[in-house]
């Protein structure tokens, strides 16, 4: 069934690369809602900055842009795909059934999206990661971890 889903995904999205990457390396085993949301920016020295850094390093270990074709339009295709998955997650409180490679691509894009956010608000306060982003990131990590445990 999973192989059929993978083939169908690639048939509907022919720009996706067929990569031989270590897709199912187990993700960091953190409960993100227990990490300080103000420490999510890379290089933050807060109490959970190192844990967030581990999550971001894992996210960047898979090149989502390359997976989505590595051409000029790949970042926008991945951004749009991740947005649709994130919206579906928030509407249903669960991720759509997707192959692990697409979930890894979403994790990569979510890191890029959050890393590009302005770290300082208009009032000068450091921005914190929104709770809805934390729940989405946790769902992505959990789904990757589940896929890594499947035979």
Foldseek 3Di string as FASTA:
>chain_A
DLVVQVVVVCVVQVLFDPDPAPLQDAADPDLLVPAFQLLLAAPRPDPCVVVNVSNLVQLVSQDLLVRSNVDPCSLVVLVVVLVVQLVVCVVPVAGDDDDSNNLSSSSNNLSVVVNPDDQADPVRHGDGDDPSSSSSNVNSSVVSNVVSPDD
